[in-house]
Amino acid sequence: LRCLRPDRLTSALEAFVALSIGSFFVQDQAVDIATSFADGGVTTPLFFILSPGVDPVKNVERLGAKLGYTYDNDRLFNVSLGQGQEIVAERALEACFNNGGWAMLNNVHLVEKWLRKLEKMMEGYAETYLKMAQADKAKAEKRSAKRMAWKAERQAAKEAAA
């Protein structure tokens, strides 16, 4: 087949696999983005490795609208990289970091050199998140200690009055 019709090789292989072991192994499987989002977190980005004919943008936009991330409120950004769009992506990421939001970066394979800068930006954001989490934990521990001391004083006052 490859010698006679190389343009038909892919479809012939798909048909062969479907007949041999089942069509399940050649069908595209839709990924529920909400499930992937639930598995992630603020410091865990979602990556979509696309195949021809697959575009998750509409599904991401739909989930974002449910959760309050839209283009209208500047909490959702979609940047197609290449041709100098790296600065647009950097601004979008900074806005997302400062105000909360989602940034979709498309065609990252076109900006290989910029990926080093992106990695450094992500590391900086992760460090800041860690520091913020540590500060929040320390504040919570102080509040908890004050609450426990107040409860102990109140209990002691009740016992003294009795």
N, C-alpha and C. Protein backbone atom coordinates (compact mmCIF):
# COMPACT_ATOMS: atom_id res chain seq x y z
N LEU A 1 0.84 -1.20 0.00
CA LEU A 1 0.00 0.00 0.00
C LEU A 1 0.88 1.26 0.00
N ARG A 2 1.94 1.24 0.80
CA ARG A 2 2.80 2.41 0.89
C ARG A 2 3.42 2.73 -0.47
N CYS A 3 3.74 1.72 -1.25
CA CYS A 3 4.34 1.94 -2.57
C CYS A 3 3.31 2.47 -3.57
N LEU A 4 2.08 1.96 -3.50
CA LEU A 4 1.06 2.33 -4.47
C LEU A 4 0.36 3.63 -4.13
N ARG A 5 -0.03 3.79 -2.87
CA ARG A 5 -0.79 4.98 -2.45
C ARG A 5 -0.31 5.46 -1.09
N PRO A 6 0.82 6.15 -1.03
CA PRO A 6 1.32 6.61 0.27
C PRO A 6 0.35 7.56 0.98
N ASP A 7 -0.49 8.24 0.22
CA ASP A 7 -1.46 9.16 0.82
C ASP A 7 -2.56 8.43 1.58
N ARG A 8 -2.72 7.14 1.34
CA ARG A 8 -3.76 6.34 1.99
C ARG A 8 -3.25 5.49 3.14
N LEU A 9 -1.96 5.57 3.43
CA LEU A 9 -1.37 4.72 4.45
C LEU A 9 -2.02 4.92 5.82
N THR A 10 -2.19 6.16 6.23
CA THR A 10 -2.75 6.44 7.55
C THR A 10 -4.17 5.89 7.67
N SER A 11 -5.01 6.17 6.70
CA SER A 11 -6.39 5.69 6.79
C SER A 11 -6.45 4.17 6.68
N ALA A 12 -5.57 3.56 5.88
CA ALA A 12 -5.54 2.10 5.78
C ALA A 12 -5.10 1.48 7.11
N LEU A 13 -4.10 2.09 7.77
CA LEU A 13 -3.67 1.58 9.08
C LEU A 13 -4.77 1.72 10.12
N GLU A 14 -5.48 2.83 10.08
CA GLU A 14 -6.60 3.00 11.01
C GLU A 14 -7.65 1.93 10.80
N ALA A 15 -7.99 1.65 9.54
CA ALA A 15 -8.98 0.61 9.23
C ALA A 15 -8.49 -0.75 9.69
N PHE A 16 -7.21 -1.04 9.47
CA PHE A 16 -6.64 -2.32 9.89
C PHE A 16 -6.70 -2.48 11.40
N VAL A 17 -6.29 -1.45 12.15
CA VAL A 17 -6.31 -1.52 13.60
C VAL A 17 -7.74 -1.66 14.10
N ALA A 18 -8.67 -0.91 13.52
CA ALA A 18 -10.08 -1.00 13.94
C ALA A 18 -10.63 -2.41 13.72
N LEU A 19 -10.31 -3.00 12.61
CA LEU A 19 -10.79 -4.36 12.33
C LEU A 19 -10.09 -5.40 13.20
N SER A 20 -8.81 -5.18 13.47
CA SER A 20 -8.02 -6.17 14.21
C SER A 20 -8.30 -6.16 15.70
N ILE A 21 -8.25 -4.99 16.31
CA ILE A 21 -8.39 -4.95 17.78
C ILE A 21 -9.52 -4.05 18.26
N GLY A 22 -10.19 -3.37 17.36
CA GLY A 22 -11.34 -2.58 17.74
C GLY A 22 -11.19 -1.10 17.42
N SER A 23 -12.31 -0.46 17.16
CA SER A 23 -12.31 0.95 16.78
C SER A 23 -11.94 1.87 17.95
N PHE A 24 -12.08 1.38 19.18
CA PHE A 24 -11.72 2.17 20.36
C PHE A 24 -10.28 2.69 20.26
N PHE A 25 -9.40 1.90 19.65
CA PHE A 25 -7.99 2.23 19.61
C PHE A 25 -7.62 3.24 18.52
N VAL A 26 -8.58 3.62 17.70
CA VAL A 26 -8.29 4.61 16.65
C VAL A 26 -9.18 5.84 16.76
N GLN A 27 -10.11 5.84 17.69
CA GLN A 27 -10.99 6.99 17.86
C GLN A 27 -10.36 8.00 18.80
N ASP A 28 -10.59 9.27 18.50
CA ASP A 28 -10.15 10.32 19.41
C ASP A 28 -11.00 10.25 20.67
N GLN A 29 -10.35 10.36 21.80
CA GLN A 29 -11.05 10.33 23.07
C GLN A 29 -11.11 11.75 23.61
N ALA A 30 -12.30 12.25 23.81
CA ALA A 30 -12.46 13.60 24.35
C ALA A 30 -12.06 13.61 25.83
N VAL A 31 -11.31 14.60 26.19
CA VAL A 31 -10.88 14.75 27.58
C VAL A 31 -11.79 15.77 28.24
N ASP A 32 -12.30 15.42 29.40
CA ASP A 32 -13.13 16.35 30.16
C ASP A 32 -12.21 17.36 30.84
N ILE A 33 -12.25 18.58 30.35
CA ILE A 33 -11.34 19.61 30.87
C ILE A 33 -11.64 19.93 32.33
N ALA A 34 -12.90 19.83 32.72
CA ALA A 34 -13.26 20.10 34.12
C ALA A 34 -12.57 19.10 35.05
N THR A 35 -12.47 17.85 34.63
CA THR A 35 -11.79 16.83 35.44
C THR A 35 -10.30 17.14 35.53
N SER A 36 -9.71 17.51 34.40
CA SER A 36 -8.28 17.87 34.41
C SER A 36 -8.05 19.08 35.30
N PHE A 37 -8.94 20.05 35.23
CA PHE A 37 -8.81 21.25 36.05
C PHE A 37 -8.91 20.90 37.54
N ALA A 38 -9.83 20.00 37.88
CA ALA A 38 -9.98 19.61 39.28
C ALA A 38 -8.73 18.89 39.79
N ASP A 39 -8.03 18.18 38.91
CA ASP A 39 -6.81 17.48 39.30
C ASP A 39 -5.63 18.44 39.47
N GLY A 40 -5.71 19.62 38.90
CA GLY A 40 -4.61 20.58 38.95
C GLY A 40 -4.72 21.49 40.16
N GLY A 41 -4.04 22.60 40.06
CA GLY A 41 -4.05 23.59 41.13
C GLY A 41 -3.46 24.89 40.61
N VAL A 42 -3.33 25.88 41.48
CA VAL A 42 -2.84 27.18 41.04
C VAL A 42 -1.40 27.14 40.54
N THR A 43 -0.64 26.15 40.98
CA THR A 43 0.74 26.06 40.52
C THR A 43 0.95 24.89 39.56
N THR A 44 -0.14 24.32 39.07
CA THR A 44 -0.06 23.20 38.14
C THR A 44 -0.72 23.59 36.82
N PRO A 45 0.07 23.89 35.82
CA PRO A 45 -0.53 24.26 34.52
C PRO A 45 -1.10 23.04 33.81
N LEU A 46 -2.06 23.28 32.95
CA LEU A 46 -2.60 22.22 32.10
C LEU A 46 -1.97 22.36 30.73
N PHE A 47 -1.52 21.25 30.18
CA PHE A 47 -0.94 21.23 28.85
C PHE A 47 -1.83 20.39 27.95
N PHE A 48 -2.09 20.89 26.76
CA PHE A 48 -2.86 20.14 25.78
C PHE A 48 -1.94 19.86 24.59
N ILE A 49 -1.71 18.60 24.34
CA ILE A 49 -0.93 18.20 23.18
C ILE A 49 -1.95 17.85 22.11
N LEU A 50 -1.97 18.66 21.08
CA LEU A 50 -3.04 18.57 20.10
C LEU A 50 -2.69 17.65 18.94
N SER A 51 -3.73 17.09 18.38
CA SER A 51 -3.62 16.33 17.15
C SER A 51 -4.48 17.03 16.11
N PRO A 52 -4.31 16.72 14.84
CA PRO A 52 -5.09 17.40 13.80
C PRO A 52 -6.60 17.31 14.07
N GLY A 53 -7.25 18.45 13.95
CA GLY A 53 -8.70 18.49 14.13
C GLY A 53 -9.16 18.64 15.57
N VAL A 54 -8.23 18.74 16.52
CA VAL A 54 -8.59 18.87 17.93
C VAL A 54 -8.23 20.27 18.40
N ASP A 55 -9.21 20.94 18.99
CA ASP A 55 -8.97 22.28 19.52
C ASP A 55 -9.73 22.44 20.83
N PRO A 56 -9.03 22.48 21.96
CA PRO A 56 -9.71 22.55 23.26
C PRO A 56 -10.16 23.95 23.66
N VAL A 57 -9.91 24.95 22.83
CA VAL A 57 -10.16 26.34 23.22
C VAL A 57 -11.62 26.55 23.63
N LYS A 58 -12.56 26.07 22.84
CA LYS A 58 -13.98 26.28 23.16
C LYS A 58 -14.35 25.64 24.50
N ASN A 59 -13.80 24.45 24.76
CA ASN A 59 -14.09 23.79 26.04
C ASN A 59 -13.48 24.56 27.21
N VAL A 60 -12.28 25.09 27.01
CA VAL A 60 -11.65 25.89 28.07
C VAL A 60 -12.45 27.17 28.29
N GLU A 61 -12.89 27.81 27.21
CA GLU A 61 -13.70 29.03 27.34
C GLU A 61 -15.01 28.74 28.07
N ARG A 62 -15.64 27.61 27.76
CA ARG A 62 -16.90 27.23 28.41
C ARG A 62 -16.70 27.02 29.91
N LEU A 63 -15.65 26.27 30.28
CA LEU A 63 -15.35 26.04 31.69
C LEU A 63 -14.98 27.36 32.37
N GLY A 64 -14.18 28.17 31.69
CA GLY A 64 -13.79 29.46 32.24
C GLY A 64 -15.00 30.35 32.52
N ALA A 65 -15.97 30.36 31.61
CA ALA A 65 -17.17 31.17 31.81
C ALA A 65 -17.93 30.70 33.05
N LYS A 66 -17.99 29.40 33.27
CA LYS A 66 -18.67 28.87 34.46
C LYS A 66 -17.98 29.30 35.74
N LEU A 67 -16.64 29.44 35.67
CA LEU A 67 -15.85 29.76 36.86
C LEU A 67 -15.48 31.23 36.97
N GLY A 68 -15.98 32.05 36.03
CA GLY A 68 -15.73 33.49 36.10
C GLY A 68 -14.48 33.96 35.39
N TYR A 69 -13.94 33.16 34.48
CA TYR A 69 -12.77 33.54 33.71
C TYR A 69 -13.20 33.79 32.27
N THR A 70 -13.27 35.06 31.91
CA THR A 70 -13.71 35.41 30.55
C THR A 70 -12.79 36.46 29.96
N TYR A 71 -12.91 36.61 28.64
CA TYR A 71 -12.14 37.67 27.97
C TYR A 71 -12.65 39.04 28.40
N ASP A 72 -13.96 39.14 28.64
CA ASP A 72 -14.57 40.43 28.99
C ASP A 72 -14.07 40.97 30.31
N ASN A 73 -13.82 40.10 31.29
CA ASN A 73 -13.35 40.60 32.59
C ASN A 73 -11.83 40.50 32.73
N ASP A 74 -11.14 40.31 31.60
CA ASP A 74 -9.67 40.24 31.57
C ASP A 74 -9.11 39.19 32.51
N ARG A 75 -9.81 38.06 32.61
CA ARG A 75 -9.31 36.94 33.41
C ARG A 75 -9.06 35.71 32.56
N LEU A 76 -9.20 35.87 31.24
CA LEU A 76 -8.90 34.80 30.30
C LEU A 76 -8.16 35.40 29.11
N PHE A 77 -7.02 34.81 28.81
CA PHE A 77 -6.19 35.31 27.72
C PHE A 77 -5.86 34.13 26.80
N ASN A 78 -5.86 34.38 25.50
CA ASN A 78 -5.52 33.37 24.52
C ASN A 78 -4.48 33.98 23.58
N VAL A 79 -3.24 33.54 23.70
CA VAL A 79 -2.15 34.13 22.93
C VAL A 79 -1.57 33.07 22.00
N SER A 80 -1.54 33.39 20.73
CA SER A 80 -0.90 32.53 19.74
C SER A 80 0.53 33.01 19.55
N LEU A 81 1.48 32.23 20.00
CA LEU A 81 2.87 32.65 20.01
C LEU A 81 3.49 32.62 18.62
N GLY A 82 4.60 33.32 18.50
CA GLY A 82 5.29 33.48 17.23
C GLY A 82 5.12 34.92 16.77
N GLN A 83 5.98 35.37 15.91
CA GLN A 83 5.93 36.72 15.33
C GLN A 83 5.85 37.81 16.39
N GLY A 84 6.67 37.70 17.42
CA GLY A 84 6.76 38.75 18.42
C GLY A 84 5.67 38.77 19.46
N GLN A 85 4.90 37.72 19.58
CA GLN A 85 3.80 37.69 20.55
C GLN A 85 4.25 37.30 21.96
N GLU A 86 5.54 37.08 22.13
CA GLU A 86 6.04 36.69 23.44
C GLU A 86 5.76 37.76 24.49
N ILE A 87 5.90 39.03 24.11
CA ILE A 87 5.63 40.12 25.07
C ILE A 87 4.16 40.14 25.45
N VAL A 88 3.28 39.83 24.52
CA VAL A 88 1.84 39.75 24.82
C VAL A 88 1.60 38.62 25.82
N ALA A 89 2.26 37.50 25.61
CA ALA A 89 2.13 36.37 26.52
C ALA A 89 2.64 36.72 27.91
N GLU A 90 3.77 37.42 27.98
CA GLU A 90 4.32 37.82 29.27
C GLU A 90 3.36 38.73 30.02
N ARG A 91 2.76 39.67 29.31
CA ARG A 91 1.78 40.57 29.94
C ARG A 91 0.56 39.81 30.42
N ALA A 92 0.11 38.86 29.62
CA ALA A 92 -1.05 38.04 30.00
C ALA A 92 -0.73 37.23 31.26
N LEU A 93 0.44 36.62 31.29
CA LEU A 93 0.83 35.83 32.46
C LEU A 93 0.95 36.71 33.70
N GLU A 94 1.51 37.89 33.54
CA GLU A 94 1.64 38.81 34.68
C GLU A 94 0.26 39.23 35.19
N ALA A 95 -0.65 39.53 34.27
CA ALA A 95 -2.02 39.89 34.66
C ALA A 95 -2.69 38.73 35.39
N CYS A 96 -2.50 37.53 34.88
CA CYS A 96 -3.09 36.35 35.54
C CYS A 96 -2.50 36.14 36.92
N PHE A 97 -1.22 36.34 37.05
CA PHE A 97 -0.58 36.16 38.35
C PHE A 97 -1.06 37.21 39.35
N ASN A 98 -1.13 38.46 38.91
CA ASN A 98 -1.51 39.54 39.82
C ASN A 98 -2.99 39.57 40.16
N ASN A 99 -3.85 39.25 39.19
CA ASN A 99 -5.29 39.42 39.37
C ASN A 99 -6.07 38.11 39.37
N GLY A 100 -5.38 37.02 39.13
CA GLY A 100 -6.06 35.73 38.99
C GLY A 100 -6.61 35.61 37.59
N GLY A 101 -6.29 34.55 36.93
CA GLY A 101 -6.78 34.37 35.57
C GLY A 101 -6.15 33.18 34.90
N TRP A 102 -6.57 32.96 33.67
CA TRP A 102 -6.05 31.86 32.87
C TRP A 102 -5.41 32.42 31.62
N ALA A 103 -4.27 31.87 31.27
CA ALA A 103 -3.60 32.25 30.02
C ALA A 103 -3.39 30.98 29.19
N MET A 104 -3.90 31.00 27.98
CA MET A 104 -3.67 29.89 27.06
C MET A 104 -2.58 30.34 26.09
N LEU A 105 -1.50 29.58 26.07
CA LEU A 105 -0.39 29.90 25.17
C LEU A 105 -0.37 28.84 24.08
N ASN A 106 -0.63 29.26 22.86
CA ASN A 106 -0.68 28.37 21.72
C ASN A 106 0.63 28.43 20.95
N ASN A 107 0.96 27.36 20.29
CA ASN A 107 2.13 27.28 19.40
C ASN A 107 3.44 27.54 20.12
N VAL A 108 3.58 26.99 21.32
CA VAL A 108 4.82 27.21 22.07
C VAL A 108 6.02 26.61 21.34
N HIS A 109 5.79 25.67 20.45
CA HIS A 109 6.90 25.07 19.70
C HIS A 109 7.57 26.07 18.77
N LEU A 110 6.93 27.20 18.53
CA LEU A 110 7.50 28.21 17.63
C LEU A 110 8.47 29.16 18.34
N VAL A 111 8.50 29.12 19.66
CA VAL A 111 9.32 30.08 20.42
C VAL A 111 10.23 29.35 21.40
N GLU A 112 11.00 28.45 20.87
CA GLU A 112 11.86 27.59 21.71
C GLU A 112 12.79 28.41 22.61
N LYS A 113 13.40 29.46 22.08
CA LYS A 113 14.33 30.27 22.89
C LYS A 113 13.60 30.98 24.03
N TRP A 114 12.37 31.40 23.78
CA TRP A 114 11.60 32.13 24.79
C TRP A 114 11.17 31.21 25.93
N LEU A 115 11.12 29.92 25.70
CA LEU A 115 10.66 28.98 26.73
C LEU A 115 11.54 29.03 27.98
N ARG A 116 12.81 29.36 27.81
CA ARG A 116 13.70 29.51 28.99
C ARG A 116 13.22 30.67 29.87
N LYS A 117 12.84 31.75 29.23
CA LYS A 117 12.32 32.90 29.98
C LYS A 117 10.98 32.54 30.64
N LEU A 118 10.14 31.81 29.91
CA LEU A 118 8.86 31.37 30.47
C LEU A 118 9.09 30.50 31.70
N GLU A 119 10.05 29.61 31.63
CA GLU A 119 10.36 28.74 32.77
C GLU A 119 10.79 29.57 33.98
N LYS A 120 11.63 30.58 33.76
CA LYS A 120 12.07 31.43 34.87
C LYS A 120 10.90 32.21 35.47
N MET A 121 9.99 32.68 34.59
CA MET A 121 8.81 33.38 35.09
C MET A 121 7.97 32.46 35.96
N MET A 122 7.77 31.23 35.50
CA MET A 122 6.96 30.26 36.26
C MET A 122 7.61 29.92 37.60
N GLU A 123 8.94 29.79 37.60
CA GLU A 123 9.66 29.53 38.85
C GLU A 123 9.49 30.69 39.82
N GLY A 124 9.55 31.92 39.30
CA GLY A 124 9.35 33.10 40.15
C GLY A 124 7.95 33.14 40.73
N TYR A 125 6.96 32.83 39.91
CA TYR A 125 5.57 32.79 40.40
C TYR A 125 5.42 31.70 41.47
N ALA A 126 6.03 30.54 41.23
CA ALA A 126 5.93 29.44 42.20
C ALA A 126 6.56 29.82 43.54
N GLU A 127 7.70 30.50 43.48
CA GLU A 127 8.35 30.94 44.72
C GLU A 127 7.47 31.93 45.48
N THR A 128 6.86 32.84 44.74
CA THR A 128 5.98 33.82 45.37
C THR A 128 4.77 33.13 46.00
N TYR A 129 4.17 32.18 45.28
CA TYR A 129 3.05 31.42 45.84
C TYR A 129 3.46 30.70 47.12
N LEU A 130 4.65 30.12 47.11
CA LEU A 130 5.14 29.41 48.28
C LEU A 130 5.29 30.36 49.46
N LYS A 131 5.89 31.52 49.22
CA LYS A 131 6.06 32.51 50.30
C LYS A 131 4.70 32.97 50.83
N MET A 132 3.75 33.19 49.91
CA MET A 132 2.42 33.62 50.33
C MET A 132 1.74 32.53 51.17
N ALA A 133 1.90 31.27 50.75
CA ALA A 133 1.30 30.16 51.49
C ALA A 133 1.93 30.04 52.88
N GLN A 134 3.24 30.22 52.96
CA GLN A 134 3.92 30.15 54.26
C GLN A 134 3.45 31.28 55.17
N ALA A 135 3.30 32.48 54.62
CA ALA A 135 2.83 33.61 55.42
C ALA A 135 1.40 33.38 55.89
N ASP A 136 0.55 32.85 55.01
CA ASP A 136 -0.83 32.55 55.40
C ASP A 136 -0.87 31.50 56.50
N LYS A 137 -0.01 30.50 56.38
CA LYS A 137 0.04 29.44 57.40
C LYS A 137 0.46 30.02 58.74
N ALA A 138 1.49 30.89 58.73
CA ALA A 138 1.96 31.50 59.97
C ALA A 138 0.85 32.35 60.61
N LYS A 139 0.12 33.11 59.79
CA LYS A 139 -0.99 33.91 60.31
C LYS A 139 -2.07 33.02 60.91
N ALA A 140 -2.39 31.94 60.23
CA ALA A 140 -3.41 31.02 60.72
C ALA A 140 -2.98 30.39 62.04
N GLU A 141 -1.70 30.04 62.14
CA GLU A 141 -1.19 29.46 63.39
C GLU A 141 -1.28 30.46 64.53
N LYS A 142 -0.96 31.73 64.27
CA LYS A 142 -1.06 32.76 65.30
C LYS A 142 -2.51 32.94 65.74
N ARG A 143 -3.42 32.99 64.77
CA ARG A 143 -4.84 33.13 65.11
C ARG A 143 -5.32 31.95 65.94
N SER A 144 -4.88 30.76 65.55
CA SER A 144 -5.27 29.56 66.28
C SER A 144 -4.73 29.59 67.71
N ALA A 145 -3.48 30.01 67.87
CA ALA A 145 -2.88 30.09 69.21
C ALA A 145 -3.62 31.12 70.06
N LYS A 146 -3.96 32.27 69.48
CA LYS A 146 -4.70 33.30 70.22
C LYS A 146 -6.08 32.77 70.63
N ARG A 147 -6.73 32.07 69.72
CA ARG A 147 -8.05 31.51 70.00
C ARG A 147 -7.97 30.49 71.13
N MET A 148 -6.94 29.64 71.08
CA MET A 148 -6.77 28.62 72.13
C MET A 148 -6.50 29.28 73.48
N ALA A 149 -5.66 30.35 73.47
CA ALA A 149 -5.36 31.06 74.72
C ALA A 149 -6.62 31.73 75.26
N TRP A 150 -7.41 32.32 74.39
CA TRP A 150 -8.65 32.97 74.80
C TRP A 150 -9.62 31.95 75.40
N LYS A 151 -9.74 30.78 74.76
CA LYS A 151 -10.61 29.73 75.28
C LYS A 151 -10.12 29.24 76.64
N ALA A 152 -8.81 29.10 76.80
CA ALA A 152 -8.25 28.66 78.07
C ALA A 152 -8.53 29.68 79.16
N GLU A 153 -8.35 30.98 78.86
CA GLU A 153 -8.64 32.04 79.83
C GLU A 153 -10.11 32.03 80.21
N ARG A 154 -10.95 31.86 79.23
CA ARG A 154 -12.41 31.84 79.48
C ARG A 154 -12.78 30.64 80.35
N GLN A 155 -12.21 29.49 80.08
CA GLN A 155 -12.47 28.29 80.87
C GLN A 155 -11.97 28.48 82.30
N ALA A 156 -10.79 29.09 82.43
CA ALA A 156 -10.24 29.33 83.77
C ALA A 156 -11.12 30.31 84.55
N ALA A 157 -11.65 31.33 83.86
CA ALA A 157 -12.54 32.30 84.51
C ALA A 157 -13.83 31.63 84.97
N LYS A 158 -14.35 30.73 84.16
CA LYS A 158 -15.58 30.00 84.54
C LYS A 158 -15.34 29.12 85.76
N GLU A 159 -14.18 28.46 85.78
CA GLU A 159 -13.85 27.57 86.89
C GLU A 159 -13.62 28.38 88.17
N ALA A 160 -13.02 29.56 88.05
CA ALA A 160 -12.77 30.42 89.20
C ALA A 160 -14.09 30.96 89.76
N ALA A 161 -15.03 31.22 88.86
CA ALA A 161 -16.33 31.76 89.29
C ALA A 161 -17.18 30.68 89.94
N ALA A 162 -16.94 29.45 89.59
CA ALA A 162 -17.75 28.35 90.14
C ALA A 162 -17.29 27.89 91.47
